[in-house]
Structure formats: C-alpha cells, structure tokens
Amino acid sequence: MNYLILIALVILMAHSSYGQHENNFIDSLGQTVGGTKEELIKIKENYYLIQPTGIVGNIAVYTGSTGVVMVDAQWAKLAPRIKELISTVTDKPVRSLVNTHFHFDHVDGNKAFGRENVTIIAHTNLRERLLKDRVISGSAFGAIIQKAYPTEGLPTITFNDTMTLYDGNETIRLIHFPNAHTDGDAIVHFKTANIYHTGDIFVTYGLPVIDEANGGDIYAMIQTIEYLLSVSNSDTRFIPGHGPVCSVKELSEYRMLLTSIKDQVVAGAKKGLSLEKITEAVTVNKNVGGIDRNMFIGHVYRMVLKHEKMNNKKKSR
C-alpha cells in the first residue's frame, strides 16, 4: 500500500473512533469529588497553590491589590472549600479566573464562580469547546463526553495569542500554545514572581493526556516545554496541571521523557515497523500514572505519521 495512503488511513481511523465510546464518567466522578482533600501551599508571599487529591486540577492563587486572581477552578462542588482556603490568607474576593484548558477537572468550577460574576478569561478555542458537547480523548478511561456548559460557566473574555493583566507590581501574561495538550491551551506567567501555571501541558504523575480529538499533539507539547525551559532559570517555579510545585529540574526530566518516547517511535516508523511492534519495543523510563501506555504510544505514532505526511507535502512543492 502506498505509504501516504497508509498515513491518511491511520489518522482517519483514529479520529473516527473518538465518538464510539460515550460514557458517563464525568457524572459518576462528580458524585464522589466532594470528598477531595485540598491543601493551600504558600509558594511565596501572595502566591499560593491549592493542591487537591484525585482527578482534580491544581489552582494557582494570587492575592493582588484589588482582589484574587485564580488560575483554574477545579469542580463547582469544591468552590465553597476553595473560597474557604483563600479566606485564610486574604479577605479580598476572587475577581478574575483564568482557564488553562477546557477539561472538566480544571473548569467545572467556572459554573460556581461565574454565578458570582467573577470574570472568566480563556483562549478563544476553549470557549468554543465549552459551547458544545465534546469528546475528550487520551485518558485511560476511554473517550469521555463533556457536556456543553451553561452560560455562567463560559469565559466572558477571550484572547487569541497573548493577553496581559496588571495588578499592582505584578504583570500576568497569558500565552497560547497551539495544539499541545489541546488546541486551547494557555500558560499563565506571573512575571514578577517568576511563576508559571502550565495547565496539563506539564504534569508530574507520569505520561500526560494528549487530547488528540481536540487538537493535542506530542510535537507541540514538546516544543512548548522547550520554550518554557528556554525562558526559565533556577528560581523559576512551575505549577503543573497535577502535582506539586516544580523547578527547571523536573520540567527538564519531563521533556526527556516525552522526547525519548517520540524519538523511539520515529525510529521504529522509519524502519517500517507496525504500531504493534513499536509499542512492544518502546521503553518508558517512568511510571505512566493513570495513562494507558499503549494508547499514548498510539497517539505518538499517529502524530509521527501526520508530521511525516506534512513534511512530504512540503518537499513535493
């Protein structure tokens, strides 16, 4: 079979399978999330991490001069606990909420904070994803259906490439990185504090979810990590989407993990090996966490074929 035809068929089959495994995972998880344990961790003066247990994303908290800026919002059921934790370090209200991406474990809380007229800020693609039922791909739980959000859960301000917020001495930069974890990712940079919230572009539990159904791509994820390393120093702190506050050391190890897997898949593909043979051969030098190893390698394989197809098109021009 012609190599380019094979590439096209593999990519088409991957995308056509996303809608075939609808489940009520989010609804079921929502019934138990109330038992989540939360800890408020001080990173430096006025900057905090709310770190949860379970399938719940990290929140960054900045207690500014006029109010609190939050990054991500976890689940709506957890909003009272989140506000209680914040009240232990400031009496100012939450005024702004930035979303790093559209997945439920980071933005379900939009619904609660939106009802309180908190300004919700996100990339344009993120808002578009929340307007309709979406299939989330890449997790060990199969294809997950995330239902459309109500009006109060939608971002009220969106941006395309970058956006800057100012509060006292702090400059907060929102930077869009296309097609990394999803196609609506934003990294939040607290410039004065030298702190980044990366969303799920960076996680510490093992292999990341790369939501291919919504624009995720291993190549872009690695490029984003390389950018972060290029603008960081030994004092930089990273709040990952899940896990403890990290330094350049942990982020560099994460890049090596992803790059090693991608390079092994590229080498296998160049030899003409099947996905099955490549999956057997790939060495993953880290606990994969809650991610299905074979599914992850399958994503990398499809992206390798996709990028090979793109490169061949460029060469033929």
Protein backbone atom coordinates (compact mmCIF):
# COMPACT_ATOMS: atom_id res chain seq x y z
CA MET A 1 0.00 0.00 0.00
CA ASN A 2 1.26 3.49 -0.82
CA TYR A 3 2.92 5.00 2.30
CA LEU A 4 0.96 8.27 2.13
CA ILE A 5 -2.32 6.37 1.78
CA LEU A 6 -1.40 4.35 4.88
CA ILE A 7 -0.73 7.55 6.81
CA ALA A 8 -4.10 9.01 5.81
CA LEU A 9 -5.96 5.83 6.79
CA VAL A 10 -4.32 5.61 10.22
CA ILE A 11 -5.17 9.22 11.04
CA LEU A 12 -8.74 8.88 9.75
CA MET A 13 -9.35 5.70 11.76
CA ALA A 14 -8.01 7.35 14.91
CA HIS A 15 -10.33 10.33 14.67
CA SER A 16 -13.40 8.33 13.66
CA SER A 17 -13.12 6.18 16.79
CA TYR A 18 -13.46 9.01 19.30
CA GLY A 19 -17.23 9.17 19.25
CA GLN A 20 -17.83 5.45 19.68
CA HIS A 21 -17.32 5.06 23.43
CA GLU A 22 -19.63 7.58 25.08
CA ASN A 23 -19.71 7.16 28.85
CA ASN A 24 -20.97 9.00 31.92
CA PHE A 25 -17.54 9.18 33.52
CA ILE A 26 -17.80 12.88 34.41
CA ASP A 27 -21.23 12.49 36.02
CA SER A 28 -20.04 9.48 38.01
CA LEU A 29 -16.87 11.22 39.11
CA GLY A 30 -18.87 14.28 40.08
CA GLN A 31 -20.76 12.22 42.63
CA THR A 32 -17.56 11.47 44.55
CA VAL A 33 -15.50 14.62 44.09
CA GLY A 34 -16.94 16.21 47.23
CA GLY A 35 -14.56 14.08 49.27
CA THR A 36 -11.49 15.66 47.67
CA LYS A 37 -8.87 16.83 50.14
CA GLU A 38 -7.39 20.26 49.44
CA GLU A 39 -4.21 21.88 50.73
CA LEU A 40 -3.23 25.55 50.43
CA ILE A 41 0.53 25.74 49.88
CA LYS A 42 2.42 29.02 50.01
CA ILE A 43 4.92 29.41 47.16
CA LYS A 44 5.98 32.93 48.13
CA GLU A 45 4.25 35.98 49.60
CA ASN A 46 0.85 36.46 47.87
CA TYR A 47 1.25 33.36 45.67
CA TYR A 48 -0.30 30.01 46.54
CA LEU A 49 -1.10 26.59 45.17
CA ILE A 50 -4.34 24.82 46.04
CA GLN A 51 -3.30 21.20 45.58
CA PRO A 52 -6.04 18.55 45.58
CA THR A 53 -6.18 14.79 45.67
CA GLY A 54 -7.81 12.66 42.96
CA ILE A 55 -8.80 13.66 39.42
CA VAL A 56 -8.81 17.37 40.18
CA GLY A 57 -6.54 20.05 38.73
CA ASN A 58 -4.23 22.44 40.55
CA ILE A 59 -5.29 26.02 41.25
CA ALA A 60 -2.89 28.97 41.37
CA VAL A 61 -3.94 31.81 43.67
CA TYR A 62 -2.53 35.34 43.53
CA THR A 63 -3.74 37.73 46.21
CA GLY A 64 -3.43 41.04 44.41
CA SER A 65 -4.02 44.64 45.40
CA THR A 66 -7.66 44.71 44.27
CA GLY A 67 -8.66 41.08 44.58
CA VAL A 68 -7.72 37.48 43.92
CA VAL A 69 -6.66 36.11 40.55
CA MET A 70 -7.23 32.37 40.26
CA VAL A 71 -5.90 30.04 37.60
CA ASP A 72 -8.28 27.13 37.02
CA ALA A 73 -11.27 26.28 39.18
CA GLN A 74 -11.48 22.51 39.73
CA TRP A 75 -15.10 21.37 40.31
CA ALA A 76 -18.15 23.50 41.15
CA LYS A 77 -18.84 21.30 44.18
CA LEU A 78 -15.46 22.31 45.60
CA ALA A 79 -15.99 26.07 45.25
CA PRO A 80 -17.02 26.59 48.93
CA ARG A 81 -13.87 24.81 50.11
CA ILE A 82 -11.70 26.76 47.65
CA LYS A 83 -13.09 30.07 48.89
CA GLU A 84 -12.64 28.96 52.49
CA LEU A 85 -8.95 28.22 51.87
CA ILE A 86 -8.43 31.55 50.12
CA SER A 87 -10.10 33.39 53.01
CA THR A 88 -7.34 32.17 55.34
CA VAL A 89 -4.81 34.39 53.53
CA THR A 90 -6.88 37.35 52.31
CA ASP A 91 -10.25 38.98 52.81
CA LYS A 92 -10.36 40.14 49.18
CA PRO A 93 -12.81 38.46 46.77
CA VAL A 94 -11.96 36.40 43.70
CA ARG A 95 -12.21 38.87 40.81
CA SER A 96 -10.60 37.04 37.89
CA LEU A 97 -10.41 33.38 36.90
CA VAL A 98 -8.11 32.22 34.10
CA ASN A 99 -8.67 28.81 32.47
CA THR A 100 -5.65 26.85 31.17
CA HIS A 101 -7.75 24.46 29.02
CA PHE A 102 -11.31 23.19 28.73
CA HIS A 103 -11.19 19.84 30.56
CA PHE A 104 -13.75 19.34 33.31
CA ASP A 105 -11.29 18.77 36.18
CA HIS A 106 -9.98 22.31 35.64
CA VAL A 107 -13.05 24.31 34.60
CA ASP A 108 -16.15 22.72 36.12
CA GLY A 109 -15.75 25.30 38.88
CA ASN A 110 -16.42 28.02 36.29
CA LYS A 111 -20.11 27.35 36.88
CA ALA A 112 -19.87 28.32 40.56
CA PHE A 113 -17.56 31.32 40.19
CA GLY A 114 -19.38 32.54 37.08
CA ARG A 115 -22.61 32.74 39.08
CA GLU A 116 -20.80 35.16 41.38
CA ASN A 117 -19.86 37.38 38.43
CA VAL A 118 -16.17 36.52 38.54
CA THR A 119 -14.54 37.48 35.24
CA ILE A 120 -13.55 34.27 33.44
CA ILE A 121 -10.71 34.57 30.92
CA ALA A 122 -9.60 31.93 28.41
CA HIS A 123 -8.37 31.26 24.91
CA THR A 124 -10.98 31.59 22.16
CA ASN A 125 -10.84 27.87 21.32
CA LEU A 126 -11.52 26.95 24.93
CA ARG A 127 -14.79 28.87 24.92
CA GLU A 128 -15.75 27.26 21.63
CA ARG A 129 -15.13 23.81 23.12
CA LEU A 130 -17.41 24.56 26.09
CA LEU A 131 -20.31 25.64 23.86
CA LYS A 132 -20.99 22.09 22.64
CA ASP A 133 -20.77 18.51 23.87
CA ARG A 134 -17.20 17.38 23.32
CA VAL A 135 -15.38 14.05 23.29
CA ILE A 136 -12.16 14.12 25.34
CA SER A 137 -9.57 11.60 24.18
CA GLY A 138 -6.26 10.32 25.50
CA SER A 139 -7.11 9.14 29.02
CA ALA A 140 -7.12 5.59 30.37
CA PHE A 141 -10.90 5.88 30.87
CA GLY A 142 -11.73 5.79 27.17
CA ALA A 143 -13.48 8.55 25.26
CA ILE A 144 -15.09 10.91 27.79
CA ILE A 145 -18.13 13.00 26.90
CA GLN A 146 -18.01 16.51 28.35
CA LYS A 147 -21.39 18.18 28.01
CA ALA A 148 -21.89 21.78 26.88
CA TYR A 149 -21.53 24.33 29.66
CA PRO A 150 -24.25 26.72 30.84
CA THR A 151 -23.81 30.43 30.21
CA GLU A 152 -22.47 31.13 33.70
CA GLY A 153 -19.66 28.62 33.13
CA LEU A 154 -18.39 30.22 29.92
CA PRO A 155 -15.44 32.62 29.67
CA THR A 156 -16.55 36.24 29.37
CA ILE A 157 -13.24 37.47 27.96
CA THR A 158 -11.22 35.56 25.36
CA PHE A 159 -7.90 36.08 23.59
CA ASN A 160 -6.09 34.54 20.63
CA ASP A 161 -2.32 34.71 21.07
CA THR A 162 -1.41 36.56 24.25
CA MET A 163 -3.07 38.72 26.87
CA THR A 164 -1.64 40.73 29.75
CA LEU A 165 -3.24 41.54 33.10
CA TYR A 166 -1.82 44.11 35.52
CA ASP A 167 -2.31 44.14 39.27
CA GLY A 168 -0.07 46.30 41.45
CA ASN A 169 3.53 45.27 40.81
CA GLU A 170 2.55 42.02 39.09
CA THR A 171 2.29 41.51 35.35
CA ILE A 172 0.36 38.38 34.44
CA ARG A 173 0.89 37.10 30.91
CA LEU A 174 -1.49 34.58 29.31
CA ILE A 175 0.25 32.80 26.45
CA HIS A 176 -1.47 30.49 23.97
CA PHE A 177 0.47 27.47 22.75
CA PRO A 178 -1.42 25.87 19.84
CA ASN A 179 -2.09 22.15 19.73
CA ALA A 180 -0.16 20.94 22.77
CA HIS A 181 -2.44 19.32 25.39
CA THR A 182 -5.44 20.71 23.44
CA ASP A 183 -5.89 23.46 20.85
CA GLY A 184 -6.98 25.97 23.51
CA ASP A 185 -4.10 25.82 25.99
CA ALA A 186 -2.90 28.85 27.90
CA ILE A 187 0.14 29.04 30.14
CA VAL A 188 -0.11 31.71 32.83
CA HIS A 189 3.08 33.57 33.72
CA PHE A 190 3.28 35.62 36.90
CA LYS A 191 6.22 37.65 35.64
CA THR A 192 7.35 39.41 38.82
CA ALA A 193 7.11 36.24 40.89
CA ASN A 194 8.74 34.07 38.18
CA ILE A 195 5.95 31.50 38.48
CA TYR A 196 4.17 29.64 35.68
CA HIS A 197 0.94 27.67 35.80
CA THR A 198 1.26 25.25 32.90
CA GLY A 199 -2.10 23.50 32.96
CA ASP A 200 -1.86 19.91 31.76
CA ILE A 201 0.94 20.66 29.31
CA PHE A 202 3.08 19.63 32.28
CA VAL A 203 2.04 17.04 34.88
CA THR A 204 4.04 15.05 37.43
CA TYR A 205 2.03 11.81 37.66
CA GLY A 206 3.71 10.23 34.62
CA LEU A 207 2.62 10.37 30.98
CA PRO A 208 0.33 13.29 30.09
CA VAL A 209 -3.07 13.15 28.45
CA ILE A 210 -2.73 14.47 24.92
CA ASP A 211 -6.25 15.19 23.72
CA GLU A 212 -5.87 14.37 20.05
CA ALA A 213 -9.61 14.76 19.41
CA ASN A 214 -9.29 18.41 20.41
CA GLY A 215 -6.03 19.34 18.75
CA GLY A 216 -3.44 17.81 21.10
CA ASP A 217 -0.08 16.89 19.59
CA ILE A 218 3.08 15.43 21.17
CA TYR A 219 5.28 17.55 18.88
CA ALA A 220 3.71 20.83 20.01
CA MET A 221 3.74 19.71 23.65
CA ILE A 222 7.49 19.10 23.49
CA GLN A 223 8.03 22.43 21.73
CA THR A 224 6.08 24.20 24.47
CA ILE A 225 8.15 22.55 27.20
CA GLU A 226 11.33 23.54 25.35
CA TYR A 227 10.12 27.14 25.21
CA LEU A 228 9.46 27.16 28.95
CA LEU A 229 12.92 25.81 29.65
CA SER A 230 14.47 28.47 27.40
CA VAL A 231 12.88 31.34 29.36
CA SER A 232 13.38 29.89 32.85
CA ASN A 233 16.14 29.88 35.44
CA SER A 234 16.95 28.17 38.72
CA ASP A 235 14.49 30.42 40.58
CA THR A 236 11.53 29.70 38.29
CA ARG A 237 8.70 27.70 39.78
CA PHE A 238 6.13 25.73 37.79
CA ILE A 239 2.65 24.83 38.95
CA PRO A 240 1.79 21.76 36.87
CA GLY A 241 -1.74 20.76 35.98
CA HIS A 242 -1.46 17.99 38.56
CA GLY A 243 1.22 17.50 41.20
CA PRO A 244 3.49 19.58 43.44
CA VAL A 245 5.29 22.82 42.59
CA CYS A 246 8.34 22.05 40.44
CA SER A 247 11.60 23.58 39.27
CA VAL A 248 13.51 23.51 35.99
CA LYS A 249 14.94 20.13 37.01
CA GLU A 250 11.56 18.35 36.99
CA LEU A 251 10.47 20.10 33.80
CA SER A 252 13.69 19.07 32.07
CA GLU A 253 13.17 15.44 33.13
CA TYR A 254 9.63 15.62 31.75
CA ARG A 255 10.92 16.88 28.41
CA MET A 256 13.41 14.00 28.27
CA LEU A 257 10.60 11.51 28.97
CA LEU A 258 8.43 12.80 26.12
CA THR A 259 11.32 13.26 23.70
CA SER A 260 12.61 9.74 24.35
CA ILE A 261 9.24 8.18 23.54
CA LYS A 262 8.76 10.29 20.42
CA ASP A 263 12.27 9.53 19.15
CA GLN A 264 11.80 5.78 19.70
CA VAL A 265 8.54 5.84 17.74
CA VAL A 266 10.13 7.86 14.93
CA ALA A 267 12.97 5.34 14.72
CA GLY A 268 10.53 2.43 14.56
CA ALA A 269 8.39 4.12 11.91
CA LYS A 270 11.46 4.78 9.74
CA LYS A 271 12.24 1.06 9.89
CA GLY A 272 8.71 0.33 8.68
CA LEU A 273 7.66 -1.38 11.91
CA SER A 274 3.96 -1.76 12.70
CA LEU A 275 2.38 0.07 15.62
CA GLU A 276 2.19 -3.23 17.48
CA LYS A 277 5.92 -3.86 17.07
CA ILE A 278 6.79 -0.28 18.00
CA THR A 279 4.61 -0.46 21.11
CA GLU A 280 6.40 -3.62 22.23
CA ALA A 281 9.81 -2.04 21.69
CA VAL A 282 9.34 1.39 23.27
CA THR A 283 10.91 1.83 26.70
CA VAL A 284 9.14 4.24 29.07
CA ASN A 285 11.52 5.18 31.88
CA LYS A 286 8.87 6.40 34.29
CA ASN A 287 5.66 5.30 35.96
CA VAL A 288 2.93 6.04 33.41
CA GLY A 289 0.46 7.13 36.12
CA GLY A 290 -3.20 6.90 35.14
CA ILE A 291 -2.47 6.98 31.42
CA ASP A 292 -2.67 3.90 29.21
CA ARG A 293 0.86 3.33 27.92
CA ASN A 294 -0.20 1.68 24.67
CA MET A 295 -2.78 4.39 23.97
CA PHE A 296 -0.14 7.07 24.49
CA ILE A 297 2.30 5.37 22.14
CA GLY A 298 -0.52 5.03 19.61
CA HIS A 299 -1.05 8.79 19.73
CA VAL A 300 2.66 9.42 19.23
CA TYR A 301 2.66 7.01 16.28
CA ARG A 302 -0.24 8.81 14.59
CA MET A 303 1.44 12.18 15.13
CA VAL A 304 4.69 10.86 13.67
CA LEU A 305 2.81 9.74 10.54
CA LYS A 306 0.92 13.03 10.41
CA HIS A 307 4.09 15.11 10.58
CA GLU A 308 5.79 12.84 8.06
CA LYS A 309 2.89 13.45 5.69
CA MET A 310 3.17 17.21 6.22
CA ASN A 311 6.91 17.13 5.58
CA ASN A 312 6.43 15.11 2.38
CA LYS A 313 3.91 17.67 1.13
CA LYS A 314 6.40 20.48 1.74
CA LYS A 315 9.14 18.59 -0.11
CA SER A 316 6.87 17.97 -3.12
CA ARG A 317 6.10 21.66 -3.63
